[in-house]
Amino acid sequence: MSSKIGVLILALTMLMAGEAVAQSCHSSTPPAKPAKMEIPDVAVLDQHGNKLHFYTDLIKDKTVAINFIFTNCTTICPPLAATFQRLQREMGERVGKDVHLISISVDPVTDTPERLKAWGAKFKAGPGWTFVTGGKEEMDKLLNALGAAVSKREDHTPALIVGNDSKGVWTRTYGLAKIPQIMSVIDEVTK
């Protein structure tokens, strides 16, 4: 019995140490620096079925936070959406004015506007949070340009791109970071 407790204590200690290392890797985000981001103006659809041009309608002259999801994901996508949900709640009226949240599907074949709308409803997505899908060719071009292309949708990372297009300032951060850390990155790019 005591050996089982010892093993349990050792396992918990190792788990906590691993979590501490993971947090330290993501706890400090370097200051955002001007970086040229070539974002294609591909045709996309939002969660309401509206036809948009990605750059012109969603990015141009705005500050944005972009994550990557697919609607039948059961691993990192729900926590990524929950992070945006908390960010939306904490930022309040700033969302849609000072910063725009964008979730891009990495599975445009499956993720129709209707599926994205239902997915957003699960996470109480409000105004200022746009979900994007489109034709496979256009979405592949967009995902490649954003450094988020993967051969299998399950292989996408919990990356978060934060950028201020009007100032040409772009950075990447951990999409599952604590909300104050993400807000700090957003504030940094808006300066």
N, C-alpha and C. Protein backbone atom coordinates (compact mmCIF):
# COMPACT_ATOMS: atom_id res chain seq x y z
N MET A 1 0.83 -1.20 0.00
CA MET A 1 0.00 0.00 0.00
C MET A 1 0.87 1.25 0.00
N SER A 2 1.89 1.28 0.87
CA SER A 2 2.73 2.47 0.96
C SER A 2 3.52 2.68 -0.33
N SER A 3 3.88 1.59 -1.04
CA SER A 3 4.59 1.77 -2.31
C SER A 3 3.67 2.39 -3.35
N LYS A 4 2.37 2.05 -3.32
CA LYS A 4 1.42 2.67 -4.24
C LYS A 4 1.28 4.16 -3.96
N ILE A 5 1.26 4.52 -2.71
CA ILE A 5 1.18 5.94 -2.35
C ILE A 5 2.44 6.66 -2.78
N GLY A 6 3.58 6.03 -2.60
CA GLY A 6 4.85 6.62 -3.02
C GLY A 6 4.88 6.85 -4.52
N VAL A 7 4.40 5.87 -5.28
CA VAL A 7 4.35 6.01 -6.74
C VAL A 7 3.39 7.13 -7.12
N LEU A 8 2.24 7.20 -6.44
CA LEU A 8 1.27 8.24 -6.71
C LEU A 8 1.86 9.63 -6.42
N ILE A 9 2.55 9.77 -5.31
CA ILE A 9 3.18 11.06 -4.96
C ILE A 9 4.24 11.42 -5.99
N LEU A 10 5.04 10.44 -6.41
CA LEU A 10 6.06 10.69 -7.42
C LEU A 10 5.41 11.12 -8.74
N ALA A 11 4.34 10.43 -9.13
CA ALA A 11 3.66 10.78 -10.38
C ALA A 11 3.08 12.19 -10.31
N LEU A 12 2.45 12.54 -9.20
CA LEU A 12 1.90 13.88 -9.04
C LEU A 12 3.00 14.94 -9.06
N THR A 13 4.11 14.66 -8.42
CA THR A 13 5.23 15.60 -8.39
C THR A 13 5.75 15.83 -9.81
N MET A 14 5.89 14.74 -10.58
CA MET A 14 6.38 14.87 -11.95
C MET A 14 5.37 15.63 -12.80
N LEU A 15 4.08 15.38 -12.61
CA LEU A 15 3.05 16.09 -13.35
C LEU A 15 3.10 17.58 -13.06
N MET A 16 3.21 17.94 -11.78
CA MET A 16 3.27 19.35 -11.41
C MET A 16 4.53 20.01 -11.94
N ALA A 17 5.64 19.29 -11.94
CA ALA A 17 6.89 19.84 -12.47
C ALA A 17 6.75 20.07 -13.97
N GLY A 18 6.13 19.11 -14.67
CA GLY A 18 5.91 19.27 -16.11
C GLY A 18 5.03 20.46 -16.41
N GLU A 19 3.99 20.66 -15.61
CA GLU A 19 3.09 21.81 -15.80
C GLU A 19 3.85 23.11 -15.57
N ALA A 20 4.71 23.14 -14.56
CA ALA A 20 5.49 24.35 -14.28
C ALA A 20 6.41 24.67 -15.45
N VAL A 21 7.04 23.65 -16.03
CA VAL A 21 7.90 23.87 -17.19
C VAL A 21 7.07 24.39 -18.37
N ALA A 22 5.91 23.78 -18.60
CA ALA A 22 5.05 24.22 -19.71
C ALA A 22 4.62 25.66 -19.51
N GLN A 23 4.24 26.04 -18.29
CA GLN A 23 3.84 27.41 -18.02
C GLN A 23 5.00 28.37 -18.22
N SER A 24 6.19 27.99 -17.81
CA SER A 24 7.33 28.89 -17.96
C SER A 24 7.66 29.11 -19.43
N CYS A 25 7.38 28.09 -20.26
CA CYS A 25 7.62 28.24 -21.69
C CYS A 25 6.67 29.25 -22.33
N HIS A 26 5.50 29.42 -21.73
CA HIS A 26 4.47 30.25 -22.33
C HIS A 26 4.14 31.47 -21.49
N SER A 27 4.86 31.69 -20.42
CA SER A 27 4.47 32.76 -19.51
C SER A 27 4.94 34.14 -19.95
N SER A 28 6.03 34.20 -20.64
CA SER A 28 6.47 35.53 -21.07
C SER A 28 6.53 35.57 -22.59
N THR A 29 5.81 36.49 -23.13
CA THR A 29 5.77 36.66 -24.57
C THR A 29 6.65 37.85 -24.92
N PRO A 30 7.57 37.66 -25.87
CA PRO A 30 8.42 38.78 -26.23
C PRO A 30 7.58 39.90 -26.80
N PRO A 31 8.05 41.14 -26.63
CA PRO A 31 7.29 42.27 -27.17
C PRO A 31 7.10 42.12 -28.67
N ALA A 32 5.94 42.57 -29.13
CA ALA A 32 5.63 42.51 -30.56
C ALA A 32 6.53 43.47 -31.31
N LYS A 33 6.99 43.02 -32.46
CA LYS A 33 7.86 43.86 -33.29
C LYS A 33 7.24 43.99 -34.66
N PRO A 34 7.54 45.09 -35.34
CA PRO A 34 7.03 45.22 -36.69
C PRO A 34 7.46 44.02 -37.54
N ALA A 35 6.51 43.43 -38.21
CA ALA A 35 6.80 42.30 -39.07
C ALA A 35 5.82 42.34 -40.24
N LYS A 36 6.34 42.18 -41.41
CA LYS A 36 5.49 42.20 -42.59
C LYS A 36 4.76 40.87 -42.67
N MET A 37 3.46 40.97 -42.81
CA MET A 37 2.64 39.77 -42.93
C MET A 37 1.90 39.86 -44.25
N GLU A 38 2.18 38.94 -45.15
CA GLU A 38 1.51 38.91 -46.46
C GLU A 38 0.26 38.06 -46.31
N ILE A 39 -0.87 38.71 -46.17
CA ILE A 39 -2.13 38.01 -45.96
C ILE A 39 -2.95 38.06 -47.25
N PRO A 40 -3.26 36.91 -47.81
CA PRO A 40 -4.01 36.92 -49.07
C PRO A 40 -5.45 37.37 -48.86
N ASP A 41 -5.99 38.00 -49.87
CA ASP A 41 -7.37 38.49 -49.82
C ASP A 41 -8.31 37.46 -50.45
N VAL A 42 -8.22 36.23 -49.94
CA VAL A 42 -9.01 35.14 -50.50
C VAL A 42 -10.48 35.28 -50.14
N ALA A 43 -11.33 34.68 -50.96
CA ALA A 43 -12.77 34.66 -50.68
C ALA A 43 -13.04 33.64 -49.59
N VAL A 44 -13.79 34.06 -48.57
CA VAL A 44 -14.15 33.18 -47.45
C VAL A 44 -15.63 33.37 -47.14
N LEU A 45 -16.14 32.49 -46.29
CA LEU A 45 -17.49 32.61 -45.77
C LEU A 45 -17.41 32.70 -44.26
N ASP A 46 -18.23 33.57 -43.67
CA ASP A 46 -18.29 33.61 -42.22
C ASP A 46 -19.37 32.66 -41.72
N GLN A 47 -19.56 32.63 -40.41
CA GLN A 47 -20.52 31.70 -39.80
C GLN A 47 -21.97 32.00 -40.16
N HIS A 48 -22.22 33.14 -40.76
CA HIS A 48 -23.57 33.50 -41.18
C HIS A 48 -23.77 33.27 -42.68
N GLY A 49 -22.73 32.75 -43.34
CA GLY A 49 -22.81 32.50 -44.78
C GLY A 49 -22.49 33.72 -45.63
N ASN A 50 -22.04 34.80 -44.98
CA ASN A 50 -21.67 36.01 -45.72
C ASN A 50 -20.38 35.78 -46.49
N LYS A 51 -20.35 36.21 -47.76
CA LYS A 51 -19.14 36.13 -48.57
C LYS A 51 -18.27 37.34 -48.22
N LEU A 52 -17.04 37.05 -47.84
CA LEU A 52 -16.09 38.10 -47.45
C LEU A 52 -14.77 37.89 -48.16
N HIS A 53 -13.97 38.95 -48.19
CA HIS A 53 -12.57 38.83 -48.62
C HIS A 53 -11.75 38.91 -47.34
N PHE A 54 -10.94 37.89 -47.11
CA PHE A 54 -10.29 37.76 -45.80
C PHE A 54 -9.53 39.02 -45.40
N TYR A 55 -8.62 39.46 -46.24
CA TYR A 55 -7.82 40.62 -45.84
C TYR A 55 -8.66 41.90 -45.80
N THR A 56 -9.34 42.21 -46.88
CA THR A 56 -10.08 43.47 -46.99
C THR A 56 -11.14 43.63 -45.91
N ASP A 57 -11.90 42.57 -45.67
CA ASP A 57 -13.05 42.68 -44.76
C ASP A 57 -12.72 42.37 -43.30
N LEU A 58 -11.71 41.55 -43.05
CA LEU A 58 -11.47 41.11 -41.68
C LEU A 58 -10.17 41.62 -41.05
N ILE A 59 -9.20 41.97 -41.87
CA ILE A 59 -7.87 42.30 -41.34
C ILE A 59 -7.48 43.76 -41.55
N LYS A 60 -7.74 44.29 -42.71
CA LYS A 60 -7.24 45.61 -43.11
C LYS A 60 -7.53 46.67 -42.05
N ASP A 61 -6.45 47.32 -41.60
CA ASP A 61 -6.49 48.42 -40.63
C ASP A 61 -7.07 48.04 -39.27
N LYS A 62 -7.06 46.76 -38.93
CA LYS A 62 -7.63 46.31 -37.65
C LYS A 62 -6.57 45.63 -36.80
N THR A 63 -6.88 45.52 -35.51
CA THR A 63 -6.12 44.67 -34.61
C THR A 63 -6.92 43.39 -34.47
N VAL A 64 -6.25 42.26 -34.67
CA VAL A 64 -6.93 40.97 -34.67
C VAL A 64 -6.19 39.95 -33.83
N ALA A 65 -6.95 38.98 -33.34
CA ALA A 65 -6.40 37.78 -32.71
C ALA A 65 -6.99 36.61 -33.48
N ILE A 66 -6.13 35.74 -34.01
CA ILE A 66 -6.56 34.66 -34.89
C ILE A 66 -6.15 33.32 -34.30
N ASN A 67 -7.13 32.41 -34.18
CA ASN A 67 -6.80 31.03 -33.82
C ASN A 67 -7.30 30.09 -34.90
N PHE A 68 -7.00 28.82 -34.75
CA PHE A 68 -7.29 27.83 -35.77
C PHE A 68 -8.02 26.65 -35.14
N ILE A 69 -9.16 26.28 -35.73
CA ILE A 69 -10.02 25.25 -35.14
C ILE A 69 -10.63 24.38 -36.24
N PHE A 70 -11.26 23.29 -35.82
CA PHE A 70 -12.22 22.59 -36.68
C PHE A 70 -13.32 22.05 -35.78
N THR A 71 -14.53 22.01 -36.31
CA THR A 71 -15.71 21.85 -35.46
C THR A 71 -15.91 20.46 -34.87
N ASN A 72 -15.32 19.42 -35.45
CA ASN A 72 -15.48 18.12 -34.81
C ASN A 72 -14.21 17.68 -34.09
N CYS A 73 -13.39 18.63 -33.75
CA CYS A 73 -12.18 18.40 -32.95
C CYS A 73 -12.59 18.15 -31.49
N THR A 74 -11.91 17.22 -30.87
CA THR A 74 -12.20 16.92 -29.46
C THR A 74 -10.98 17.14 -28.57
N THR A 75 -9.90 17.69 -29.13
CA THR A 75 -8.68 17.87 -28.32
C THR A 75 -8.46 19.35 -28.00
N ILE A 76 -7.65 20.04 -28.79
CA ILE A 76 -7.30 21.42 -28.43
C ILE A 76 -8.30 22.48 -28.89
N CYS A 77 -9.18 22.14 -29.83
CA CYS A 77 -10.10 23.16 -30.35
C CYS A 77 -11.11 23.67 -29.31
N PRO A 78 -11.76 22.79 -28.55
CA PRO A 78 -12.66 23.32 -27.51
C PRO A 78 -11.94 24.23 -26.50
N PRO A 79 -10.74 23.88 -26.02
CA PRO A 79 -10.05 24.83 -25.14
C PRO A 79 -9.66 26.13 -25.83
N LEU A 80 -9.31 26.07 -27.12
CA LEU A 80 -9.00 27.30 -27.86
C LEU A 80 -10.23 28.19 -27.94
N ALA A 81 -11.38 27.60 -28.23
CA ALA A 81 -12.63 28.37 -28.30
C ALA A 81 -13.01 28.90 -26.92
N ALA A 82 -12.80 28.09 -25.89
CA ALA A 82 -13.11 28.54 -24.53
C ALA A 82 -12.20 29.70 -24.13
N THR A 83 -10.96 29.69 -24.61
CA THR A 83 -10.05 30.81 -24.34
C THR A 83 -10.57 32.08 -25.00
N PHE A 84 -11.02 31.98 -26.26
CA PHE A 84 -11.60 33.15 -26.92
C PHE A 84 -12.88 33.59 -26.21
N GLN A 85 -13.66 32.64 -25.71
CA GLN A 85 -14.88 32.99 -24.97
C GLN A 85 -14.53 33.82 -23.73
N ARG A 86 -13.52 33.37 -22.98
CA ARG A 86 -13.09 34.12 -21.79
C ARG A 86 -12.49 35.47 -22.18
N LEU A 87 -11.72 35.49 -23.27
CA LEU A 87 -11.13 36.74 -23.75
C LEU A 87 -12.24 37.72 -24.14
N GLN A 88 -13.25 37.23 -24.83
CA GLN A 88 -14.39 38.06 -25.21
C GLN A 88 -15.08 38.63 -23.98
N ARG A 89 -15.26 37.81 -22.96
CA ARG A 89 -15.91 38.26 -21.73
C ARG A 89 -15.05 39.30 -21.00
N GLU A 90 -13.77 39.03 -20.88
CA GLU A 90 -12.87 39.95 -20.16
C GLU A 90 -12.67 41.28 -20.90
N MET A 91 -12.63 41.22 -22.22
CA MET A 91 -12.40 42.45 -22.99
C MET A 91 -13.68 43.24 -23.21
N GLY A 92 -14.82 42.60 -23.02
CA GLY A 92 -16.10 43.30 -23.10
C GLY A 92 -16.30 44.03 -24.41
N GLU A 93 -16.64 45.30 -24.32
CA GLU A 93 -16.97 46.10 -25.50
C GLU A 93 -15.76 46.36 -26.42
N ARG A 94 -14.57 46.07 -25.96
CA ARG A 94 -13.39 46.24 -26.82
C ARG A 94 -13.41 45.27 -28.00
N VAL A 95 -14.06 44.09 -27.80
CA VAL A 95 -14.14 43.11 -28.88
C VAL A 95 -15.09 43.64 -29.95
N GLY A 96 -14.58 43.68 -31.17
CA GLY A 96 -15.35 44.23 -32.28
C GLY A 96 -15.03 45.69 -32.54
N LYS A 97 -14.34 46.33 -31.60
CA LYS A 97 -13.92 47.73 -31.76
C LYS A 97 -12.40 47.80 -31.76
N ASP A 98 -11.79 47.53 -30.60
CA ASP A 98 -10.34 47.60 -30.47
C ASP A 98 -9.65 46.36 -31.02
N VAL A 99 -10.30 45.22 -30.91
CA VAL A 99 -9.73 43.96 -31.37
C VAL A 99 -10.85 43.08 -31.93
N HIS A 100 -10.51 42.35 -32.98
CA HIS A 100 -11.45 41.44 -33.62
C HIS A 100 -10.92 40.02 -33.47
N LEU A 101 -11.77 39.11 -33.02
CA LEU A 101 -11.39 37.71 -32.86
C LEU A 101 -11.79 36.95 -34.12
N ILE A 102 -10.87 36.13 -34.63
CA ILE A 102 -11.13 35.36 -35.83
C ILE A 102 -10.70 33.91 -35.59
N SER A 103 -11.63 32.99 -35.79
CA SER A 103 -11.33 31.56 -35.72
C SER A 103 -11.40 31.01 -37.14
N ILE A 104 -10.29 30.47 -37.61
CA ILE A 104 -10.20 29.96 -38.98
C ILE A 104 -10.27 28.43 -38.96
N SER A 105 -11.13 27.88 -39.78
CA SER A 105 -11.24 26.42 -39.88
C SER A 105 -10.04 25.84 -40.62
N VAL A 106 -9.48 24.77 -40.06
CA VAL A 106 -8.44 24.02 -40.76
C VAL A 106 -9.05 22.83 -41.49
N ASP A 107 -10.39 22.75 -41.48
CA ASP A 107 -11.11 21.67 -42.17
C ASP A 107 -12.28 22.27 -42.95
N PRO A 108 -11.98 23.04 -44.00
CA PRO A 108 -13.05 23.72 -44.73
C PRO A 108 -14.00 22.78 -45.46
N VAL A 109 -13.59 21.55 -45.73
CA VAL A 109 -14.47 20.60 -46.41
C VAL A 109 -15.65 20.24 -45.50
N THR A 110 -15.39 20.07 -44.22
CA THR A 110 -16.43 19.71 -43.25
C THR A 110 -17.11 20.94 -42.65
N ASP A 111 -16.33 21.96 -42.38
CA ASP A 111 -16.83 23.12 -41.64
C ASP A 111 -17.58 24.10 -42.53
N THR A 112 -18.88 23.89 -42.63
CA THR A 112 -19.76 24.80 -43.35
C THR A 112 -20.07 25.99 -42.45
N PRO A 113 -20.59 27.06 -43.02
CA PRO A 113 -21.00 28.18 -42.17
C PRO A 113 -21.97 27.75 -41.06
N GLU A 114 -22.88 26.85 -41.38
CA GLU A 114 -23.85 26.38 -40.37
C GLU A 114 -23.15 25.66 -39.22
N ARG A 115 -22.18 24.84 -39.54
CA ARG A 115 -21.41 24.13 -38.48
C ARG A 115 -20.63 25.14 -37.64
N LEU A 116 -20.03 26.13 -38.30
CA LEU A 116 -19.27 27.15 -37.56
C LEU A 116 -20.20 27.97 -36.66
N LYS A 117 -21.39 28.28 -37.15
CA LYS A 117 -22.34 29.04 -36.33
C LYS A 117 -22.75 28.25 -35.09
N ALA A 118 -23.02 26.96 -35.27
CA ALA A 118 -23.38 26.10 -34.13
C ALA A 118 -22.21 25.98 -33.16
N TRP A 119 -21.01 25.84 -33.69
CA TRP A 119 -19.79 25.77 -32.86
C TRP A 119 -19.64 27.06 -32.05
N GLY A 120 -19.79 28.20 -32.71
CA GLY A 120 -19.69 29.48 -32.03
C GLY A 120 -20.75 29.64 -30.95
N ALA A 121 -21.96 29.15 -31.21
CA ALA A 121 -23.04 29.25 -30.22
C ALA A 121 -22.69 28.48 -28.95
N LYS A 122 -21.99 27.36 -29.10
CA LYS A 122 -21.58 26.58 -27.91
C LYS A 122 -20.70 27.42 -26.98
N PHE A 123 -19.96 28.34 -27.58
CA PHE A 123 -19.01 29.16 -26.82
C PHE A 123 -19.48 30.61 -26.68
N LYS A 124 -20.76 30.83 -26.95
CA LYS A 124 -21.38 32.15 -26.77
C LYS A 124 -20.64 33.25 -27.53
N ALA A 125 -20.24 32.92 -28.77
CA ALA A 125 -19.55 33.90 -29.60
C ALA A 125 -20.47 35.09 -29.87
N GLY A 126 -19.96 36.27 -29.62
CA GLY A 126 -20.73 37.48 -29.83
C GLY A 126 -20.19 38.29 -30.98
N PRO A 127 -20.73 39.50 -31.16
CA PRO A 127 -20.22 40.38 -32.21
C PRO A 127 -18.73 40.63 -32.03
N GLY A 128 -18.02 40.66 -33.13
CA GLY A 128 -16.57 40.88 -33.06
C GLY A 128 -15.78 39.59 -33.07
N TRP A 129 -16.48 38.44 -33.05
CA TRP A 129 -15.82 37.14 -33.14
C TRP A 129 -16.35 36.47 -34.40
N THR A 130 -15.48 36.34 -35.40
CA THR A 130 -15.86 35.79 -36.70
C THR A 130 -15.23 34.43 -36.91
N PHE A 131 -16.03 33.50 -37.43
CA PHE A 131 -15.56 32.16 -37.78
C PHE A 131 -15.50 32.11 -39.30
N VAL A 132 -14.42 31.52 -39.83
CA VAL A 132 -14.16 31.58 -41.27
C VAL A 132 -13.92 30.19 -41.85
N THR A 133 -14.55 29.95 -42.99
CA THR A 133 -14.32 28.76 -43.80
C THR A 133 -14.35 29.20 -45.26
N GLY A 134 -14.22 28.26 -46.16
CA GLY A 134 -14.28 28.60 -47.58
C GLY A 134 -13.90 27.42 -48.42
N GLY A 135 -13.65 27.68 -49.69
CA GLY A 135 -13.20 26.63 -50.59
C GLY A 135 -11.83 26.12 -50.16
N LYS A 136 -11.60 24.83 -50.38
CA LYS A 136 -10.35 24.22 -49.93
C LYS A 136 -9.11 24.93 -50.48
N GLU A 137 -9.13 25.27 -51.76
CA GLU A 137 -7.96 25.91 -52.37
C GLU A 137 -7.68 27.28 -51.73
N GLU A 138 -8.72 28.06 -51.53
CA GLU A 138 -8.55 29.38 -50.91
C GLU A 138 -8.08 29.25 -49.46
N MET A 139 -8.69 28.31 -48.74
CA MET A 139 -8.31 28.13 -47.33
C MET A 139 -6.88 27.61 -47.20
N ASP A 140 -6.48 26.73 -48.10
CA ASP A 140 -5.09 26.25 -48.08
C ASP A 140 -4.13 27.40 -48.30
N LYS A 141 -4.47 28.28 -49.23
CA LYS A 141 -3.62 29.46 -49.50
C LYS A 141 -3.53 30.34 -48.25
N LEU A 142 -4.67 30.55 -47.59
CA LEU A 142 -4.70 31.37 -46.39
C LEU A 142 -3.91 30.72 -45.25
N LEU A 143 -4.14 29.44 -45.01
CA LEU A 143 -3.44 28.74 -43.93
C LEU A 143 -1.94 28.71 -44.18
N ASN A 144 -1.53 28.52 -45.43
CA ASN A 144 -0.10 28.56 -45.77
C ASN A 144 0.49 29.93 -45.46
N ALA A 145 -0.20 30.98 -45.85
CA ALA A 145 0.31 32.33 -45.63
C ALA A 145 0.43 32.65 -44.14
N LEU A 146 -0.45 32.09 -43.34
CA LEU A 146 -0.43 32.35 -41.89
C LEU A 146 0.46 31.37 -41.13
N GLY A 147 1.09 30.47 -41.85
CA GLY A 147 1.97 29.49 -41.19
C GLY A 147 1.20 28.46 -40.39
N ALA A 148 -0.02 28.18 -40.81
CA ALA A 148 -0.86 27.25 -40.06
C ALA A 148 -1.30 26.04 -40.88
N ALA A 149 -0.69 25.84 -42.04
CA ALA A 149 -1.07 24.71 -42.88
C ALA A 149 -0.53 23.42 -42.27
N VAL A 150 -1.36 22.39 -42.29
CA VAL A 150 -0.95 21.06 -41.82
C VAL A 150 -1.50 20.02 -42.79
N SER A 151 -0.84 18.89 -42.88
CA SER A 151 -1.32 17.85 -43.79
C SER A 151 -2.54 17.15 -43.21
N LYS A 152 -2.62 17.04 -41.89
CA LYS A 152 -3.79 16.47 -41.23
C LYS A 152 -4.33 17.50 -40.25
N ARG A 153 -5.62 17.72 -40.29
CA ARG A 153 -6.24 18.75 -39.44
C ARG A 153 -5.91 18.54 -37.97
N GLU A 154 -5.77 17.30 -37.54
CA GLU A 154 -5.48 17.00 -36.14
C GLU A 154 -4.09 17.49 -35.71
N ASP A 155 -3.25 17.81 -36.67
CA ASP A 155 -1.88 18.22 -36.36
C ASP A 155 -1.70 19.72 -36.16
N HIS A 156 -2.80 20.48 -36.23
CA HIS A 156 -2.62 21.92 -36.06
C HIS A 156 -2.26 22.25 -34.61
N THR A 157 -1.58 23.35 -34.44
CA THR A 157 -1.08 23.72 -33.11
C THR A 157 -2.00 24.74 -32.46
N PRO A 158 -1.88 24.92 -31.15
CA PRO A 158 -2.68 25.94 -30.46
C PRO A 158 -2.06 27.33 -30.58
N ALA A 159 -1.67 27.68 -31.79
CA ALA A 159 -1.06 28.98 -32.02
C ALA A 159 -2.12 30.07 -32.05
N LEU A 160 -1.72 31.24 -31.64
CA LEU A 160 -2.57 32.43 -31.70
C LEU A 160 -1.75 33.51 -32.38
N ILE A 161 -2.27 34.05 -33.46
CA ILE A 161 -1.61 35.16 -34.14
C ILE A 161 -2.32 36.44 -33.71
N VAL A 162 -1.54 37.40 -33.27
CA VAL A 162 -2.08 38.70 -32.87
C VAL A 162 -1.38 39.75 -33.72
N GLY A 163 -2.19 40.60 -34.34
CA GLY A 163 -1.59 41.59 -35.21
C GLY A 163 -2.37 42.89 -35.27
N ASN A 164 -1.63 43.93 -35.57
CA ASN A 164 -2.20 45.25 -35.80
C ASN A 164 -1.81 45.62 -37.23
N ASP A 165 -2.75 45.43 -38.15
CA ASP A 165 -2.44 45.62 -39.56
C ASP A 165 -2.04 47.05 -39.88
N SER A 166 -2.71 48.02 -39.28
CA SER A 166 -2.40 49.42 -39.61
C SER A 166 -0.98 49.81 -39.19
N LYS A 167 -0.44 49.15 -38.15
CA LYS A 167 0.93 49.44 -37.72
C LYS A 167 1.94 48.43 -38.25
N GLY A 168 1.46 47.36 -38.87
CA GLY A 168 2.37 46.34 -39.38
C GLY A 168 3.06 45.56 -38.29
N VAL A 169 2.39 45.39 -37.16
CA VAL A 169 2.96 44.67 -36.02
C VAL A 169 2.22 43.34 -35.87
N TRP A 170 2.98 42.24 -35.94
CA TRP A 170 2.41 40.90 -35.85
C TRP A 170 3.26 40.04 -34.93
N THR A 171 2.61 39.18 -34.18
CA THR A 171 3.33 38.25 -33.31
C THR A 171 2.52 36.97 -33.15
N ARG A 172 3.17 35.96 -32.68
CA ARG A 172 2.50 34.69 -32.36
C ARG A 172 2.67 34.44 -30.87
N THR A 173 1.66 33.78 -30.31
CA THR A 173 1.73 33.41 -28.91
C THR A 173 0.99 32.10 -28.72
N TYR A 174 1.01 31.60 -27.52
CA TYR A 174 0.37 30.35 -27.17
C TYR A 174 -1.13 30.58 -27.03
N GLY A 175 -1.93 29.88 -27.81
CA GLY A 175 -3.37 30.10 -27.83
C GLY A 175 -4.11 29.64 -26.60
N LEU A 176 -3.43 28.92 -25.71
CA LEU A 176 -4.07 28.47 -24.47
C LEU A 176 -3.46 29.16 -23.25
N ALA A 177 -2.78 30.26 -23.49
CA ALA A 177 -2.19 31.03 -22.39
C ALA A 177 -3.30 31.61 -21.52
N LYS A 178 -2.92 32.07 -20.36
CA LYS A 178 -3.90 32.71 -19.47
C LYS A 178 -4.37 34.01 -20.11
N ILE A 179 -5.61 34.35 -19.83
CA ILE A 179 -6.24 35.53 -20.45
C ILE A 179 -5.43 36.81 -20.22
N PRO A 180 -4.93 37.08 -19.00
CA PRO A 180 -4.13 38.31 -18.84
C PRO A 180 -2.90 38.34 -19.76
N GLN A 181 -2.30 37.19 -20.01
CA GLN A 181 -1.15 37.14 -20.91
C GLN A 181 -1.56 37.47 -22.35
N ILE A 182 -2.67 36.91 -22.78
CA ILE A 182 -3.14 37.20 -24.15
C ILE A 182 -3.54 38.66 -24.27
N MET A 183 -4.22 39.19 -23.25
CA MET A 183 -4.60 40.60 -23.28
C MET A 183 -3.37 41.50 -23.32
N SER A 184 -2.32 41.09 -22.64
CA SER A 184 -1.08 41.85 -22.65
C SER A 184 -0.47 41.88 -24.06
N VAL A 185 -0.52 40.76 -24.76
CA VAL A 185 -0.01 40.71 -26.13
C VAL A 185 -0.85 41.61 -27.03
N ILE A 186 -2.16 41.55 -26.87
CA ILE A 186 -3.05 42.40 -27.67
C ILE A 186 -2.76 43.87 -27.38
N ASP A 187 -2.62 44.23 -26.11
CA ASP A 187 -2.31 45.61 -25.75
C ASP A 187 -0.98 46.06 -26.32
N GLU A 188 -0.01 45.14 -26.34
CA GLU A 188 1.32 45.46 -26.87
C GLU A 188 1.27 45.81 -28.36
N VAL A 189 0.48 45.06 -29.14
CA VAL A 189 0.42 45.35 -30.57
C VAL A 189 -0.41 46.59 -30.89
N THR A 190 -1.27 47.01 -29.95
CA THR A 190 -2.08 48.21 -30.21
C THR A 190 -1.38 49.48 -29.86
N LYS A 191 -0.24 49.39 -29.16
CA LYS A 191 0.51 50.59 -28.76
C LYS A 191 1.03 51.36 -29.96
